[in-house]
Structure formats: structure tokens, C-alpha cells
Amino acid sequence: MKKNIFFQVFNYIFIFLFLSLLVYTFYRAEIVHNSNQLDYYLKYYVIFSLALIFWIFVLILNLEFKIFFINSGILILLLLYVFEIVKFYNISFMSLFSEKKIETPLKSEKMILVEQLDKKNKNTFPSIIPNIFLNKGDINLFPLGGVSNATTVFCKEGPKFSVYKSDRFGFNNPDNNWNSEIENLFIGDSFAQGACVKEGEDIASQIRLSTKSKTLTLGMAGNGPLIELASLKEYSKNIKVKNIFWVYFERNDLNDLKKEKKNKILIKYLDRNFSQNLKEKQSIIDNILKQNIIKEKKNFLSKNSIGDKKNKDVFQKIIRLKILRDKLALDRGLNLPVDSLFKEIILNAKNYANKKGSNFYFVYLPDKETFKKHNLSKKNLFKKDQILKILEKNKINLIDIQSLVFTKEEDPISLFAHRTYGHYSAETYSKIAAVIVDSIK
């Protein structure tokens, strides 16, 4: 009798679980998205409805079958979460059975290289991602560049780290390119910064070399549209610029905007008169960045590799089986409109360029996912059609790197670093630089 009650309780738990998931799906589909995303949520309606019907059916089965199905359900649920946890924390199967004790490294590979280089040059620092300041609501100044005039250790996608000497404002440029007149100015994220190639192999450097022109990049990893607008306005102020290139990466720029628009300082850049006057505050910026680097280093040394993962989103990601859903492509297909703020930002940048007498170009960069077999038939994977319509409607010059470079290759994946990483190879940056030069002739 007790055994029957035990399994009866678990049966009702499964019914409640899938009923709750079905109600949550209804809430997301019908209330949050106003019934506009049925194609995306249909699979969840089907999965949760069938599961709910199945567990209601189990209620009427005899005890033997009920025990079998409930034990199987519990086992499957456990296996799913074991898979999720193993993948989330990147736990190695071999390490679990290794006789050798595996200790958490006290320092990261990047940190070790910074220390080695610092022995030769006392002004060596890791690269800074400006978006780390997004959630620091107590700051009165939002840095947009890195530590100035420093040997900067950037990123690694291959055997060696990308290392460069930063300019007077902390960007990846030869300092002598800052002048009252600039031929080409690039705005963007890590692709505009030069991830993760040797110094001089990034897009701006290759254009600088091939055209013998004053060419600068204000690109920094993690930048989204609002930080890019801020960078453009801060650092091109009082400088004559012939060509401004807005480098857009399709995979994450719109997602970056979701976080950026919540920042009280960045949102002010929509006002044409707002400025933090950062060019006059580089010593203050350097101090802020150096203090942040020291703090992050202490945090790293005080935590183990799993501890680093602990943040407010971890539990939610695991409980929602984020990695498994991504592997099964269940989270793809949500077709949300492009945030209207994106259009406002691009038009703001274009108008700013027009007032400076500069040509404004939108450079569209594709992601590796676009060229994978299961995505080839998807025409609007990263809302490209919507982005291009905004550009066309507002008469913004487009340099579509996907059509001008990638689709002309028999194997587009080969254009990514070592065919493995998310950024492009040095050779690809060279091709992009050549296409950009040809496009503005």
C-alpha cells in the first residue's frame, strides 16, 4: 500500500511538472509574444501536451507498469541533468578516474603571459572588455577603450596570443595615426579590434598598409551598437574623417544591445550633445582599468575553475537545460523583430557622419553558424533580411562581406580561424580589407 502511494505521488509530480510547463509555454507564447511566435512555441506545446497526456494515462495503469514508467522517467530526468552539468562545467570523464590529483591552475595562461611580458615592459596589461562596466551602476564614467600606450595581451585562437601595443586611448592602432585628419575609421567589436591575429593583421592595419592611409579602429571586444555609437562620438570629435565603417557582427550585436540600453550613461549618447569628454580623461580611465584588472586577478586567484562559473544565472541555465536545448536546436526559430533602438542608433551614427562630412558604410560580417549545413536553408537566421531592409530604406551604404567574400568560397568555414574558432583568420581579414578598399573606390 505504501509503495503504491509513493509511486502515485511521483506520478502526480510528473503531471504537475508538465502541466506547469504547458502553462508557462502558453504564457510566453500568448502573453509575452502576443501569439506572434507560434512557429517557435509549437514544438513545446506538442512535447509538453504529449508528456502530460502520457502521465495522466500512467495513473490508470497497474502498479507494475506504473513503477516501470516512473522509474524510467526519474532516470531519464537524472541523466538529462547529469549531461547538462557535465557540459556546463566541462567536466572531463577521464579526470574522474585519473589517479593523478588534478589541481586547479593558480593562474590562467593569459595571466602568465602578461607577467612574462611585464618583466620586459612594465606597462603590460590584458585587454579590457568595456561591457564589464555595464552592470556597475555606481560609476560616473564609462570607459570605452583599454589601457593607453600599453603592451596589450588580447586573445588566443591558435598556438599564440594576439598581442599589440595600444595607442594613446587604449585602442589597437599605431599612435602616430592619430591626426586632425583621418582617412578611415572603424567602429565595432572584437572583429574590428583584430581578434585573434598578430599585430598588423587586423582589417584596419591591412587597409592602412595597402593604401598608405591614416586608418584607425575603435573596435573593442564585446561592443554592441550603443557602445559603438559612444566610441564614434567620443573619439572622432574634432577630427576630420573621410570614411566611417560601422562593423556589424550578425551573431551577437543585437543581443549586446539588450544589455547596453539599460545603462544610464550609454543611453545618453542618443542625445547629440552628450559627451563624457573621454579624450581628456585618459589618465583617469587608465587608473580605473588598472584597478579593475587588479581586482579581477584577485577574484580569479581566490576561486577555483568551478567557482568562477557561479553567478546568478547558473542555476537558471542548468534547470532550463540550456545546453541540451541548444544541442537539439530547440531554442532556434524565435523570430523577434529587430529592436527599434537599433535603427535609431544607426541613423544617429549616419546623421553624425553626415554632419562631419564623412561617408558612412555599414559592414555586415557573417557568423560561422550561417554556413553550417543545418542552417543553409534558413534565409533569415540572424535577422539579416530585417537589418538589410533598415539599411536600404534609410539609404545607408552596405558592404556585405557574406556575399562579397564568404559565398564566393567553396568552403566558407575555412575562412574562420583554424576552421574551429568564431573569429576569422588573418587571411580572411586581408580579403575583407581588400573588398572594403574596392567598395569605396
Protein backbone atom coordinates (compact mmCIF):
# COMPACT_ATOMS: atom_id res chain seq x y z
CA MET A 1 0.00 0.00 0.00
CA LYS A 2 2.84 2.40 0.96
CA LYS A 3 4.64 1.51 -2.26
CA ASN A 4 1.55 2.35 -4.29
CA ILE A 5 1.20 5.74 -2.54
CA PHE A 6 4.88 6.53 -3.15
CA PHE A 7 4.64 5.98 -6.91
CA GLN A 8 1.24 7.65 -7.02
CA VAL A 9 2.81 10.79 -5.55
CA PHE A 10 5.60 10.74 -8.18
CA ASN A 11 3.00 10.24 -10.88
CA TYR A 12 1.24 13.42 -9.77
CA ILE A 13 4.58 15.25 -9.58
CA PHE A 14 5.20 14.45 -13.27
CA ILE A 15 1.66 15.56 -14.15
CA PHE A 16 2.15 18.83 -12.26
CA LEU A 17 5.56 19.36 -13.87
CA PHE A 18 4.33 19.08 -17.45
CA LEU A 19 1.12 20.96 -16.72
CA SER A 20 3.24 23.81 -15.33
CA LEU A 21 5.49 23.74 -18.39
CA LEU A 22 2.45 23.81 -20.66
CA VAL A 23 1.00 26.82 -18.78
CA TYR A 24 4.41 28.56 -18.90
CA THR A 25 4.60 27.93 -22.67
CA PHE A 26 1.14 29.46 -23.05
CA TYR A 27 2.22 32.48 -21.00
CA ARG A 28 5.35 33.02 -23.13
CA ALA A 29 3.62 32.42 -26.47
CA GLU A 30 0.29 34.16 -25.95
CA ILE A 31 1.02 36.90 -23.41
CA VAL A 32 4.71 37.79 -23.70
CA HIS A 33 4.84 37.43 -27.51
CA ASN A 34 1.17 38.20 -28.28
CA SER A 35 0.67 34.99 -30.31
CA ASN A 36 3.27 36.13 -32.85
CA GLN A 37 5.72 33.28 -32.26
CA LEU A 38 3.55 30.17 -32.70
CA ASP A 39 6.05 28.53 -35.07
CA TYR A 40 8.68 28.67 -32.32
CA TYR A 41 6.48 27.55 -29.41
CA LEU A 42 4.56 24.86 -31.30
CA LYS A 43 7.22 22.22 -30.59
CA TYR A 44 6.96 22.95 -26.86
CA TYR A 45 3.17 22.75 -26.97
CA VAL A 46 3.44 19.33 -28.63
CA ILE A 47 6.17 17.96 -26.31
CA PHE A 48 4.55 19.10 -23.06
CA SER A 49 0.99 18.14 -24.14
CA LEU A 50 2.03 14.62 -25.12
CA ALA A 51 4.02 14.25 -21.89
CA LEU A 52 1.03 15.45 -19.84
CA ILE A 53 -1.35 13.02 -21.60
CA PHE A 54 1.16 10.19 -21.11
CA TRP A 55 1.48 10.74 -17.34
CA ILE A 56 -2.30 11.01 -16.93
CA PHE A 57 -2.53 7.69 -18.77
CA VAL A 58 0.05 6.17 -16.37
CA LEU A 59 -2.33 6.94 -13.50
CA ILE A 60 -4.74 4.22 -14.63
CA LEU A 61 -2.07 1.53 -15.19
CA ASN A 62 -1.47 -1.27 -12.72
CA LEU A 63 1.32 -0.90 -10.15
CA GLU A 64 3.90 -2.94 -12.09
CA PHE A 65 3.70 -0.74 -15.21
CA LYS A 66 3.44 2.38 -13.09
CA ILE A 67 6.70 1.52 -11.28
CA PHE A 68 8.45 0.86 -14.59
CA PHE A 69 7.41 4.15 -16.22
CA ILE A 70 8.03 6.30 -13.13
CA ASN A 71 11.48 4.79 -12.53
CA SER A 72 12.27 5.31 -16.22
CA GLY A 73 11.05 8.92 -16.02
CA ILE A 74 13.19 9.67 -12.96
CA LEU A 75 16.23 8.01 -14.59
CA ILE A 76 15.82 9.97 -17.84
CA LEU A 77 15.43 13.22 -15.89
CA LEU A 78 18.57 12.48 -13.87
CA LEU A 79 20.57 11.63 -17.00
CA LEU A 80 19.49 14.85 -18.69
CA TYR A 81 20.69 16.95 -15.75
CA VAL A 82 23.92 14.97 -15.38
CA PHE A 83 24.62 15.68 -19.07
CA GLU A 84 23.80 19.36 -18.57
CA ILE A 85 26.05 19.74 -15.52
CA VAL A 86 28.95 17.85 -17.13
CA LYS A 87 28.74 20.02 -20.25
CA PHE A 88 28.21 23.24 -18.34
CA TYR A 89 31.29 22.76 -16.15
CA ASN A 90 33.26 20.98 -18.89
CA ILE A 91 33.97 18.01 -16.62
CA SER A 92 36.33 15.50 -18.22
CA PHE A 93 35.33 11.83 -18.00
CA MET A 94 38.99 10.76 -17.79
CA SER A 95 39.75 13.18 -14.97
CA LEU A 96 37.19 11.42 -12.77
CA PHE A 97 39.19 8.18 -12.92
CA SER A 98 42.69 9.61 -13.12
CA GLU A 99 44.97 8.53 -10.26
CA LYS A 100 46.75 11.86 -10.55
CA LYS A 101 45.28 14.65 -8.50
CA ILE A 102 44.30 17.43 -10.85
CA GLU A 103 44.69 20.81 -9.23
CA THR A 104 43.03 24.00 -10.35
CA PRO A 105 45.66 26.18 -12.04
CA LEU A 106 46.59 29.16 -9.87
CA LYS A 107 46.93 31.39 -12.91
CA SER A 108 45.40 31.49 -16.35
CA GLU A 109 47.59 31.13 -19.43
CA LYS A 110 46.84 34.75 -20.30
CA MET A 111 47.82 35.93 -16.83
CA ILE A 112 51.13 34.06 -17.05
CA LEU A 113 51.94 35.67 -20.42
CA VAL A 114 51.08 39.15 -19.06
CA GLU A 115 53.51 38.61 -16.18
CA GLN A 116 56.25 37.36 -18.50
CA LEU A 117 55.90 40.34 -20.83
CA ASP A 118 55.67 42.73 -17.90
CA LYS A 119 59.20 41.74 -16.86
CA LYS A 120 60.44 43.17 -20.18
CA ASN A 121 57.94 46.00 -20.36
CA LYS A 122 56.48 47.31 -17.13
CA ASN A 123 53.39 48.56 -18.94
CA THR A 124 51.79 45.22 -19.94
CA PHE A 125 48.10 44.51 -19.34
CA PRO A 126 45.36 42.15 -20.51
CA SER A 127 42.81 43.62 -22.91
CA ILE A 128 39.73 45.13 -21.31
CA ILE A 129 36.16 44.49 -22.45
CA PRO A 130 34.19 47.75 -21.96
CA ASN A 131 30.93 45.88 -21.36
CA ILE A 132 32.20 44.68 -17.96
CA PHE A 133 31.13 48.13 -16.73
CA LEU A 134 27.52 47.68 -17.86
CA ASN A 135 26.31 46.36 -14.51
CA LYS A 136 28.31 48.78 -12.39
CA GLY A 137 25.57 51.29 -11.71
CA ASP A 138 27.68 53.30 -9.26
CA ILE A 139 30.23 54.53 -11.85
CA ASN A 140 30.26 58.11 -13.06
CA LEU A 141 32.50 57.41 -16.05
CA PHE A 142 32.14 54.62 -18.61
CA PRO A 143 35.50 53.66 -20.24
CA LEU A 144 35.33 52.69 -23.92
CA GLY A 145 38.96 51.78 -24.64
CA GLY A 146 41.80 49.91 -22.97
CA VAL A 147 44.90 50.94 -21.02
CA SER A 148 46.80 53.51 -23.08
CA ASN A 149 50.28 53.04 -24.58
CA ALA A 150 50.48 49.53 -23.18
CA THR A 151 51.57 46.13 -24.40
CA THR A 152 48.13 44.52 -24.57
CA VAL A 153 47.51 40.77 -24.41
CA PHE A 154 44.27 40.23 -26.31
CA CYS A 155 43.02 36.75 -27.22
CA LYS A 156 44.09 33.34 -28.47
CA GLU A 157 42.60 31.22 -31.26
CA GLY A 158 45.53 29.03 -32.16
CA PRO A 159 49.00 28.46 -30.73
CA LYS A 160 49.76 32.06 -29.68
CA PHE A 161 48.04 35.02 -28.10
CA SER A 162 47.31 38.17 -30.05
CA VAL A 163 49.46 40.93 -28.56
CA TYR A 164 49.61 44.59 -29.62
CA LYS A 165 50.82 47.99 -28.46
CA SER A 166 47.82 50.18 -27.70
CA ASP A 167 47.60 53.83 -28.73
CA ARG A 168 47.07 56.92 -26.55
CA PHE A 169 43.42 55.93 -25.95
CA GLY A 170 43.92 52.18 -25.48
CA PHE A 171 42.89 51.01 -28.98
CA ASN A 172 44.74 48.70 -31.39
CA ASN A 173 46.40 51.39 -33.53
CA PRO A 174 49.86 52.85 -34.13
CA ASP A 175 49.72 56.00 -32.03
CA ASN A 176 51.11 58.16 -34.84
CA ASN A 177 47.94 57.57 -36.85
CA TRP A 178 46.02 59.95 -34.61
CA ASN A 179 45.83 63.16 -36.55
CA SER A 180 43.49 66.04 -37.23
CA GLU A 181 42.55 64.25 -40.45
CA ILE A 182 41.77 60.52 -40.73
CA GLU A 183 41.10 58.63 -43.94
CA ASN A 184 39.32 55.58 -42.48
CA LEU A 185 37.73 54.99 -39.08
CA PHE A 186 36.37 51.60 -37.98
CA ILE A 187 33.75 51.09 -35.27
CA GLY A 188 32.91 47.61 -33.99
CA ASP A 189 33.56 44.72 -31.64
CA SER A 190 36.34 42.11 -31.48
CA PHE A 191 36.35 41.73 -35.29
CA ALA A 192 37.19 45.42 -35.65
CA GLN A 193 39.71 45.13 -32.82
CA GLY A 194 41.56 42.32 -34.61
CA ALA A 195 40.64 39.10 -32.79
CA CYS A 196 42.69 36.97 -32.59
CA VAL A 197 45.52 37.66 -35.06
CA LYS A 198 49.01 39.13 -34.83
CA GLU A 199 49.54 42.86 -34.59
CA GLY A 200 49.18 44.35 -38.07
CA GLU A 201 46.94 41.58 -39.42
CA ASP A 202 43.59 43.12 -38.46
CA ILE A 203 41.32 44.79 -41.03
CA ALA A 204 42.30 48.39 -40.22
CA SER A 205 46.02 47.58 -40.25
CA GLN A 206 45.82 45.81 -43.59
CA ILE A 207 43.95 48.76 -45.14
CA ARG A 208 46.49 51.12 -43.58
CA LEU A 209 49.30 49.09 -45.14
CA SER A 210 47.76 48.66 -48.61
CA THR A 211 46.55 52.24 -49.05
CA LYS A 212 49.24 54.09 -47.03
CA SER A 213 46.39 55.96 -45.32
CA LYS A 214 45.69 57.18 -41.80
CA THR A 215 43.37 54.42 -40.63
CA LEU A 216 42.11 53.86 -37.09
CA THR A 217 39.95 51.29 -35.34
CA LEU A 218 37.91 51.94 -32.22
CA GLY A 219 36.84 48.28 -32.06
CA MET A 220 36.75 46.54 -28.67
CA ALA A 221 35.63 43.02 -27.87
CA GLY A 222 32.07 42.72 -26.60
CA ASN A 223 30.95 46.05 -28.01
CA GLY A 224 27.36 46.38 -29.14
CA PRO A 225 25.63 49.18 -31.08
CA LEU A 226 25.28 51.63 -28.18
CA ILE A 227 28.91 51.36 -27.03
CA GLU A 228 29.96 51.68 -30.67
CA LEU A 229 27.93 54.87 -31.06
CA ALA A 230 29.53 56.20 -27.88
CA SER A 231 33.02 55.36 -29.18
CA LEU A 232 32.34 57.05 -32.50
CA LYS A 233 31.15 60.27 -30.87
CA GLU A 234 33.84 60.42 -28.21
CA TYR A 235 36.93 59.69 -30.28
CA SER A 236 36.13 61.20 -33.67
CA LYS A 237 35.14 64.51 -32.12
CA ASN A 238 37.10 67.44 -33.60
CA ILE A 239 38.70 65.15 -36.18
CA LYS A 240 38.03 65.23 -39.90
CA VAL A 241 37.18 61.70 -41.08
CA LYS A 242 36.69 60.74 -44.71
CA ASN A 243 35.16 57.26 -44.25
CA ILE A 244 33.43 55.76 -41.23
CA PHE A 245 32.90 51.98 -41.25
CA TRP A 246 30.33 50.53 -38.86
CA VAL A 247 31.36 46.85 -38.48
CA TYR A 248 28.33 44.72 -37.58
CA PHE A 249 28.60 41.08 -36.50
CA GLU A 250 25.34 39.24 -37.04
CA ARG A 251 25.54 36.73 -34.20
CA ASN A 252 25.56 38.91 -31.11
CA ASP A 253 25.29 42.65 -31.82
CA LEU A 254 21.52 42.75 -31.26
CA ASN A 255 21.86 40.72 -28.07
CA ASP A 256 24.57 43.10 -26.84
CA LEU A 257 22.14 45.98 -27.32
CA LYS A 258 19.66 44.40 -24.86
CA LYS A 259 22.19 44.86 -22.06
CA GLU A 260 23.64 48.17 -23.22
CA LYS A 261 20.36 50.06 -23.39
CA LYS A 262 19.84 49.55 -19.65
CA ASN A 263 22.97 51.57 -18.85
CA LYS A 264 22.17 55.13 -17.78
CA ILE A 265 25.38 56.60 -19.25
CA LEU A 266 25.35 54.86 -22.64
CA ILE A 267 21.72 55.68 -23.40
CA LYS A 268 22.59 59.38 -23.18
CA TYR A 269 24.65 59.09 -26.37
CA LEU A 270 21.41 59.22 -28.34
CA ASP A 271 21.47 62.90 -27.42
CA ARG A 272 23.73 64.56 -29.99
CA ASN A 273 25.18 66.95 -27.39
CA PHE A 274 26.12 64.37 -24.74
CA SER A 275 29.77 63.52 -24.12
CA GLN A 276 31.91 62.18 -21.29
CA ASN A 277 34.91 64.00 -22.82
CA LEU A 278 36.94 60.80 -22.54
CA LYS A 279 39.84 62.04 -24.67
CA GLU A 280 40.72 64.48 -21.90
CA LYS A 281 40.36 61.86 -19.14
CA GLN A 282 42.73 59.08 -20.23
CA SER A 283 44.77 59.16 -17.02
CA ILE A 284 41.55 58.66 -15.02
CA ILE A 285 40.46 55.87 -17.39
CA ASP A 286 43.84 54.13 -17.09
CA ASN A 287 43.56 54.21 -13.32
CA ILE A 288 40.03 52.77 -13.39
CA LEU A 289 41.08 49.99 -15.77
CA LYS A 290 44.23 49.08 -13.83
CA GLN A 291 42.28 48.91 -10.57
CA ASN A 292 39.72 46.68 -12.26
CA ILE A 293 42.47 44.37 -13.59
CA ILE A 294 43.96 44.03 -10.09
CA LYS A 295 40.53 43.27 -8.66
CA GLU A 296 39.73 40.67 -11.34
CA LYS A 297 43.11 38.99 -10.80
CA LYS A 298 42.43 38.71 -7.05
CA ASN A 299 38.99 37.28 -7.77
CA PHE A 300 40.48 34.71 -10.15
CA LEU A 301 43.13 33.60 -7.66
CA SER A 302 40.56 33.27 -4.86
CA LYS A 303 38.27 30.97 -6.86
CA ASN A 304 38.60 27.56 -8.45
CA SER A 305 37.50 26.82 -12.02
CA ILE A 306 34.01 25.77 -10.98
CA GLY A 307 33.67 28.71 -8.60
CA ASP A 308 34.25 31.06 -11.50
CA LYS A 309 31.05 29.81 -13.06
CA LYS A 310 28.96 30.71 -10.05
CA ASN A 311 26.76 33.63 -10.78
CA LYS A 312 23.10 34.42 -10.57
CA ASP A 313 22.34 32.86 -13.98
CA VAL A 314 23.98 29.46 -13.44
CA PHE A 315 21.09 27.74 -11.64
CA GLN A 316 18.56 29.08 -14.13
CA LYS A 317 20.62 27.90 -17.13
CA ILE A 318 21.05 24.40 -15.71
CA ILE A 319 17.44 23.97 -14.58
CA ARG A 320 16.26 25.05 -18.05
CA LEU A 321 18.64 22.54 -19.72
CA LYS A 322 20.12 25.37 -21.78
CA ILE A 323 22.98 23.38 -23.33
CA LEU A 324 20.86 20.34 -24.18
CA ARG A 325 18.20 22.51 -25.82
CA ASP A 326 20.89 24.25 -27.83
CA LYS A 327 22.35 20.89 -28.94
CA LEU A 328 18.89 19.77 -30.08
CA ALA A 329 18.30 23.15 -31.78
CA LEU A 330 15.12 23.62 -29.70
CA ASP A 331 15.91 27.25 -28.97
CA ARG A 332 16.19 28.30 -32.59
CA GLY A 333 13.37 29.85 -34.53
CA LEU A 334 12.18 32.63 -32.24
CA ASN A 335 11.58 35.37 -34.78
CA LEU A 336 11.54 38.59 -32.82
CA PRO A 337 11.62 41.93 -34.62
CA VAL A 338 14.80 43.98 -34.59
CA ASP A 339 14.78 46.34 -31.62
CA SER A 340 13.66 49.77 -32.86
CA LEU A 341 16.54 51.24 -30.86
CA PHE A 342 18.98 49.62 -33.27
CA LYS A 343 17.54 51.62 -36.15
CA GLU A 344 17.66 54.77 -34.04
CA ILE A 345 21.34 54.17 -33.23
CA ILE A 346 22.34 53.53 -36.85
CA LEU A 347 20.50 56.63 -38.06
CA ASN A 348 22.09 58.61 -35.23
CA ALA A 349 25.53 57.44 -36.39
CA LYS A 350 24.73 58.17 -40.03
CA ASN A 351 23.50 61.68 -39.23
CA TYR A 352 26.58 62.27 -37.11
CA ALA A 353 28.76 61.18 -40.06
CA ASN A 354 26.84 63.41 -42.46
CA LYS A 355 27.36 66.46 -40.24
CA LYS A 356 31.08 65.72 -40.18
CA GLY A 357 31.11 65.42 -43.96
CA SER A 358 32.08 61.74 -43.67
CA ASN A 359 31.00 58.81 -45.83
CA PHE A 360 29.17 56.20 -43.73
CA TYR A 361 29.39 52.47 -44.52
CA PHE A 362 27.74 49.52 -42.80
CA VAL A 363 29.98 46.42 -42.96
CA TYR A 364 27.99 43.20 -42.43
CA LEU A 365 30.01 40.26 -41.04
CA PRO A 366 28.60 36.70 -41.05
CA ASP A 367 28.85 34.11 -38.29
CA LYS A 368 30.10 30.55 -38.77
CA GLU A 369 26.63 29.16 -37.92
CA THR A 370 25.31 30.69 -41.15
CA PHE A 371 27.37 28.25 -43.23
CA LYS A 372 26.63 25.03 -41.34
CA LYS A 373 24.58 22.51 -43.30
CA HIS A 374 21.55 22.57 -41.00
CA ASN A 375 21.30 26.35 -41.43
CA LEU A 376 21.89 26.73 -45.16
CA SER A 377 18.16 26.71 -45.94
CA LYS A 378 17.39 29.36 -43.29
CA LYS A 379 17.25 32.69 -45.08
CA ASN A 380 16.84 34.92 -42.05
CA LEU A 381 18.89 33.12 -39.40
CA PHE A 382 20.20 36.24 -37.66
CA LYS A 383 17.51 38.68 -38.87
CA LYS A 384 19.70 39.67 -41.78
CA ASP A 385 16.73 40.48 -44.03
CA GLN A 386 15.35 42.87 -41.42
CA ILE A 387 18.73 44.55 -40.96
CA LEU A 388 19.23 44.99 -44.71
CA LYS A 389 15.73 46.46 -45.08
CA ILE A 390 16.56 49.09 -42.46
CA LEU A 391 19.74 49.97 -44.36
CA GLU A 392 18.03 50.06 -47.74
CA LYS A 393 15.10 52.14 -46.54
CA ASN A 394 17.45 54.71 -44.99
CA LYS A 395 19.90 54.73 -47.91
CA ILE A 396 22.86 53.50 -45.87
CA ASN A 397 25.83 52.19 -47.84
CA LEU A 398 26.20 48.43 -47.35
CA ILE A 399 29.34 46.33 -47.68
CA ASP A 400 28.00 42.78 -47.34
CA ILE A 401 31.03 40.64 -46.52
CA GLN A 402 28.89 37.50 -46.61
CA SER A 403 28.08 37.92 -50.31
CA LEU A 404 31.33 39.63 -51.32
CA VAL A 405 33.70 37.19 -49.61
CA PHE A 406 32.16 34.12 -47.95
CA THR A 407 29.64 32.94 -50.56
CA LYS A 408 32.37 33.05 -53.21
CA GLU A 409 34.33 30.41 -51.31
CA GLU A 410 33.74 26.73 -51.92
CA ASP A 411 34.34 26.11 -48.23
CA PRO A 412 33.29 29.20 -46.21
CA ILE A 413 34.16 27.51 -42.91
CA SER A 414 37.83 27.59 -43.97
CA LEU A 415 37.73 31.37 -43.58
CA PHE A 416 37.40 31.01 -39.81
CA ALA A 417 40.50 30.63 -37.65
CA HIS A 418 41.71 27.02 -37.90
CA ARG A 419 38.15 26.09 -39.03
CA THR A 420 37.32 25.89 -35.33
CA TYR A 421 37.03 29.29 -33.76
CA GLY A 422 34.45 32.04 -34.06
CA HIS A 423 36.71 34.76 -35.43
CA TYR A 424 38.29 34.96 -38.87
CA SER A 425 41.83 34.06 -39.90
CA ALA A 426 44.43 36.67 -40.82
CA GLU A 427 43.99 35.72 -44.49
CA THR A 428 40.25 36.36 -44.21
CA TYR A 429 40.83 39.77 -42.65
CA SER A 430 43.10 40.50 -45.61
CA LYS A 431 40.33 39.56 -48.08
CA ILE A 432 37.83 41.71 -46.19
CA ALA A 433 40.24 44.64 -46.20
CA ALA A 434 40.67 44.32 -49.98
CA VAL A 435 36.90 44.18 -50.53
CA ILE A 436 36.37 47.29 -48.38
CA VAL A 437 39.03 49.21 -50.31
CA ASP A 438 37.44 48.18 -53.64
CA SER A 439 33.96 49.13 -52.38
CA ILE A 440 34.89 52.74 -51.67
CA LYS A 441 36.87 53.46 -54.83
